[in-house]
N, C-alpha and C. Protein backbone atom coordinates (compact mmCIF):
# COMPACT_ATOMS: atom_id res chain seq x y z
N MET A 1 40.25 167.62 -2.29
CA MET A 1 41.17 166.71 -1.63
C MET A 1 41.23 165.35 -2.29
N ASN A 2 40.11 164.89 -2.79
CA ASN A 2 40.11 163.60 -3.41
C ASN A 2 40.64 163.75 -4.84
N GLN A 3 41.74 163.08 -5.09
CA GLN A 3 42.32 163.16 -6.45
C GLN A 3 42.25 161.78 -7.08
N ILE A 4 41.99 161.74 -8.37
CA ILE A 4 41.97 160.44 -9.10
C ILE A 4 43.39 160.23 -9.65
N ILE A 5 43.96 159.13 -9.24
CA ILE A 5 45.29 158.79 -9.72
C ILE A 5 45.16 157.91 -10.90
N GLU A 6 45.88 158.21 -11.94
CA GLU A 6 45.86 157.36 -13.16
C GLU A 6 46.56 156.01 -12.86
N ASN A 7 46.07 155.06 -13.54
CA ASN A 7 46.66 153.72 -13.37
C ASN A 7 48.04 153.68 -14.07
N PRO A 8 49.12 153.48 -13.29
CA PRO A 8 50.44 153.48 -13.92
C PRO A 8 50.66 152.24 -14.78
N PHE A 9 49.82 151.22 -14.68
CA PHE A 9 50.00 149.99 -15.48
C PHE A 9 49.14 149.93 -16.69
N ASP A 10 48.46 151.05 -17.00
CA ASP A 10 47.59 151.17 -18.16
C ASP A 10 48.39 151.70 -19.33
N TYR A 11 48.91 150.78 -20.13
CA TYR A 11 49.75 151.17 -21.27
C TYR A 11 48.92 151.10 -22.58
N GLU A 12 49.32 151.95 -23.50
CA GLU A 12 48.69 151.81 -24.81
C GLU A 12 49.36 150.68 -25.56
N GLU A 13 48.57 149.98 -26.32
CA GLU A 13 49.14 148.89 -27.11
C GLU A 13 49.95 149.48 -28.28
N LYS A 14 51.07 148.73 -28.57
CA LYS A 14 51.90 149.16 -29.68
C LYS A 14 51.18 148.83 -31.00
N PRO A 15 51.40 149.65 -31.99
CA PRO A 15 50.82 149.30 -33.28
C PRO A 15 51.46 148.01 -33.88
N GLN A 16 50.67 147.35 -34.68
CA GLN A 16 51.14 146.04 -35.21
C GLN A 16 52.40 146.16 -36.04
N TRP A 17 52.49 147.23 -36.80
CA TRP A 17 53.68 147.36 -37.63
C TRP A 17 54.95 147.55 -36.80
N LEU A 18 54.83 148.21 -35.59
CA LEU A 18 55.96 148.40 -34.72
C LEU A 18 56.33 147.08 -34.07
N VAL A 19 55.37 146.28 -33.70
CA VAL A 19 55.65 144.96 -33.08
C VAL A 19 56.36 144.06 -34.04
N LEU A 20 55.92 144.06 -35.31
CA LEU A 20 56.60 143.24 -36.35
C LEU A 20 58.04 143.74 -36.60
N LYS A 21 58.18 145.05 -36.63
CA LYS A 21 59.51 145.62 -36.86
C LYS A 21 60.48 145.25 -35.74
N LEU A 22 60.01 145.32 -34.51
CA LEU A 22 60.87 144.99 -33.37
C LEU A 22 61.19 143.50 -33.32
N ARG A 23 60.23 142.64 -33.74
CA ARG A 23 60.52 141.21 -33.85
C ARG A 23 61.65 140.92 -34.82
N GLU A 24 61.53 141.54 -36.01
CA GLU A 24 62.55 141.37 -37.05
C GLU A 24 63.92 141.85 -36.57
N GLU A 25 63.97 142.99 -35.89
CA GLU A 25 65.21 143.50 -35.41
C GLU A 25 65.84 142.58 -34.35
N ASN A 26 64.98 142.08 -33.43
CA ASN A 26 65.46 141.11 -32.41
C ASN A 26 65.98 139.88 -33.10
N ARG A 27 65.26 139.35 -34.13
CA ARG A 27 65.66 138.16 -34.82
C ARG A 27 67.01 138.34 -35.50
N ALA A 28 67.19 139.58 -36.09
CA ALA A 28 68.49 139.84 -36.75
C ALA A 28 69.65 139.86 -35.75
N LYS A 29 69.38 140.48 -34.58
CA LYS A 29 70.39 140.50 -33.51
C LYS A 29 70.76 139.15 -33.10
N ARG A 30 69.73 138.29 -32.93
CA ARG A 30 69.90 136.90 -32.44
C ARG A 30 70.70 136.12 -33.46
N GLU A 31 70.37 136.25 -34.74
CA GLU A 31 71.08 135.58 -35.83
C GLU A 31 72.56 135.97 -35.82
N LYS A 32 72.81 137.22 -35.60
CA LYS A 32 74.19 137.68 -35.59
C LYS A 32 74.93 137.09 -34.41
N LYS A 33 74.26 137.07 -33.25
CA LYS A 33 74.87 136.53 -31.97
C LYS A 33 75.12 135.07 -32.10
N LEU A 34 74.22 134.28 -32.68
CA LEU A 34 74.33 132.85 -32.79
C LEU A 34 75.21 132.40 -33.96
N GLY A 35 75.25 133.26 -34.97
CA GLY A 35 76.03 132.93 -36.16
C GLY A 35 75.33 131.91 -37.10
N ARG A 36 73.99 131.86 -36.96
CA ARG A 36 73.22 130.96 -37.81
C ARG A 36 71.81 131.60 -38.00
N ALA A 37 71.11 131.01 -38.95
CA ALA A 37 69.71 131.50 -39.16
C ALA A 37 68.78 131.10 -38.04
N VAL A 38 67.92 131.99 -37.72
CA VAL A 38 66.92 131.71 -36.68
C VAL A 38 65.56 131.64 -37.38
N GLY A 39 64.88 130.52 -37.17
CA GLY A 39 63.59 130.35 -37.81
C GLY A 39 62.47 131.07 -37.07
N LYS A 40 61.28 131.05 -37.65
CA LYS A 40 60.14 131.68 -37.05
C LYS A 40 59.45 130.83 -36.03
N TRP A 41 59.77 129.53 -35.97
CA TRP A 41 59.24 128.62 -34.98
C TRP A 41 60.34 128.19 -34.09
N GLY A 42 59.99 127.80 -32.88
CA GLY A 42 60.95 127.13 -32.04
C GLY A 42 61.30 127.90 -30.78
N GLY A 43 61.99 127.26 -29.95
CA GLY A 43 62.44 127.85 -28.71
C GLY A 43 63.49 126.97 -28.10
N HIS A 44 63.87 127.26 -26.82
CA HIS A 44 64.95 126.51 -26.19
C HIS A 44 64.42 125.20 -25.56
N ARG A 45 63.19 125.18 -25.09
CA ARG A 45 62.72 124.02 -24.37
C ARG A 45 62.27 122.89 -25.37
N PRO A 46 62.41 121.65 -24.97
CA PRO A 46 61.92 120.59 -25.85
C PRO A 46 60.45 120.66 -26.12
N GLY A 47 60.05 120.41 -27.28
CA GLY A 47 58.63 120.51 -27.63
C GLY A 47 58.17 121.83 -28.13
N ALA A 48 59.05 122.81 -28.02
CA ALA A 48 58.69 124.17 -28.50
C ALA A 48 58.87 124.18 -30.05
N GLY A 49 58.07 124.87 -30.73
CA GLY A 49 58.24 125.00 -32.16
C GLY A 49 56.96 124.62 -32.88
N ARG A 50 57.15 124.28 -34.12
CA ARG A 50 56.01 123.95 -34.97
C ARG A 50 55.30 122.69 -34.41
N PRO A 51 53.94 122.72 -34.29
CA PRO A 51 53.26 121.54 -33.82
C PRO A 51 53.40 120.38 -34.79
N LYS A 52 53.48 119.20 -34.21
CA LYS A 52 53.58 118.01 -35.06
C LYS A 52 52.27 117.74 -35.77
N VAL A 53 52.40 117.30 -36.99
CA VAL A 53 51.21 116.90 -37.77
C VAL A 53 50.91 115.46 -37.37
N ARG A 54 49.77 115.28 -36.83
CA ARG A 54 49.34 113.92 -36.32
C ARG A 54 48.44 113.24 -37.29
N THR A 55 48.72 111.99 -37.50
CA THR A 55 47.80 111.18 -38.32
C THR A 55 47.02 110.27 -37.39
N TYR A 56 45.79 110.15 -37.64
CA TYR A 56 44.92 109.33 -36.80
C TYR A 56 44.60 108.03 -37.56
N ASP A 57 45.56 107.16 -37.68
CA ASP A 57 45.32 105.89 -38.29
C ASP A 57 45.84 104.83 -37.36
N PHE A 58 45.14 104.60 -36.27
CA PHE A 58 45.63 103.63 -35.32
C PHE A 58 44.55 102.56 -35.02
N MET A 59 45.00 101.48 -34.48
CA MET A 59 44.11 100.38 -34.20
C MET A 59 43.74 100.36 -32.72
N VAL A 60 42.53 99.98 -32.41
CA VAL A 60 42.08 99.92 -31.01
C VAL A 60 41.65 98.49 -30.75
N GLY A 61 42.11 97.97 -29.66
CA GLY A 61 41.70 96.61 -29.27
C GLY A 61 40.58 96.66 -28.26
N ILE A 62 39.64 95.71 -28.35
CA ILE A 62 38.52 95.67 -27.48
C ILE A 62 38.43 94.28 -26.88
N SER A 63 38.40 94.21 -25.55
CA SER A 63 38.16 92.91 -24.91
C SER A 63 36.72 92.88 -24.50
N MET A 64 36.03 91.82 -24.92
CA MET A 64 34.60 91.79 -24.63
C MET A 64 34.16 90.32 -24.37
N THR A 65 32.99 90.20 -23.77
CA THR A 65 32.47 88.91 -23.48
C THR A 65 31.74 88.36 -24.73
N ASN A 66 31.35 87.14 -24.64
CA ASN A 66 30.69 86.49 -25.77
C ASN A 66 29.34 87.17 -26.08
N VAL A 67 28.62 87.58 -25.02
CA VAL A 67 27.33 88.20 -25.22
C VAL A 67 27.57 89.57 -25.94
N GLN A 68 28.55 90.31 -25.53
CA GLN A 68 28.80 91.61 -26.16
C GLN A 68 29.21 91.42 -27.61
N LYS A 69 30.02 90.31 -27.93
CA LYS A 69 30.38 90.07 -29.27
C LYS A 69 29.18 89.69 -30.13
N LEU A 70 28.29 88.89 -29.60
CA LEU A 70 27.07 88.55 -30.33
C LEU A 70 26.16 89.74 -30.58
N THR A 71 26.13 90.67 -29.61
CA THR A 71 25.28 91.84 -29.75
C THR A 71 25.89 92.76 -30.89
N LEU A 72 27.20 92.84 -30.91
CA LEU A 72 27.83 93.68 -31.96
C LEU A 72 27.71 93.04 -33.34
N LEU A 73 27.76 91.70 -33.37
CA LEU A 73 27.58 91.01 -34.61
C LEU A 73 26.11 91.20 -35.14
N GLU A 74 25.17 91.23 -34.23
CA GLU A 74 23.79 91.45 -34.62
C GLU A 74 23.58 92.92 -35.04
N MET A 75 24.23 93.86 -34.40
CA MET A 75 24.09 95.28 -34.83
C MET A 75 24.75 95.48 -36.16
N GLY A 76 25.84 94.75 -36.46
CA GLY A 76 26.55 94.91 -37.75
C GLY A 76 26.10 93.95 -38.83
N LYS A 77 24.98 93.25 -38.57
CA LYS A 77 24.43 92.27 -39.52
C LYS A 77 25.48 91.24 -39.97
N GLY A 78 26.22 90.73 -38.97
CA GLY A 78 27.25 89.69 -39.23
C GLY A 78 28.64 90.15 -39.32
N ASP A 79 28.87 91.48 -39.38
CA ASP A 79 30.23 92.03 -39.44
C ASP A 79 30.52 92.75 -38.11
N LEU A 80 31.58 92.35 -37.45
CA LEU A 80 31.95 92.92 -36.15
C LEU A 80 32.34 94.38 -36.27
N ALA A 81 33.08 94.74 -37.33
CA ALA A 81 33.51 96.11 -37.48
C ALA A 81 32.31 97.05 -37.73
N ASP A 82 31.38 96.55 -38.51
CA ASP A 82 30.14 97.41 -38.75
C ASP A 82 29.34 97.53 -37.48
N GLY A 83 29.37 96.50 -36.66
CA GLY A 83 28.65 96.55 -35.34
C GLY A 83 29.25 97.57 -34.42
N VAL A 84 30.59 97.63 -34.37
CA VAL A 84 31.27 98.64 -33.55
C VAL A 84 30.96 100.03 -34.09
N ASN A 85 31.01 100.20 -35.38
CA ASN A 85 30.71 101.52 -35.98
C ASN A 85 29.25 101.92 -35.73
N ALA A 86 28.33 100.99 -35.81
CA ALA A 86 26.94 101.24 -35.47
C ALA A 86 26.75 101.68 -34.00
N LEU A 87 27.47 100.99 -33.16
CA LEU A 87 27.39 101.34 -31.69
C LEU A 87 27.96 102.75 -31.39
N ILE A 88 29.03 103.07 -32.09
CA ILE A 88 29.61 104.37 -31.94
C ILE A 88 28.66 105.48 -32.44
N LYS A 89 28.10 105.25 -33.61
CA LYS A 89 27.17 106.19 -34.21
C LYS A 89 25.94 106.37 -33.34
N GLU A 90 25.51 105.30 -32.73
CA GLU A 90 24.29 105.31 -31.86
C GLU A 90 24.51 106.22 -30.63
N TYR A 91 25.70 106.16 -30.07
CA TYR A 91 25.93 106.94 -28.85
C TYR A 91 26.62 108.29 -29.10
N LEU A 92 26.92 108.60 -30.32
CA LEU A 92 27.45 109.95 -30.59
C LEU A 92 26.35 110.79 -31.18
């Protein structure tokens, strides 16, 4: 009486070559429909597509008291930038 029912949502994965073939066919259909080339990156919503290359060359401002400034100067042996770098290295 007890029967084991197979899971109807258990699908086999498609082979990679078939997935790539279907993507290329869909891309060709879309290019024909739109009348222009369709790239490998991008989408309809803003921000979709190739990630932006970010450069990390920015300045940071620090507001500090006179005591903090003197402490950083002492840590940097007279140079405020070296003191900030020393403080960062100490706590990282």
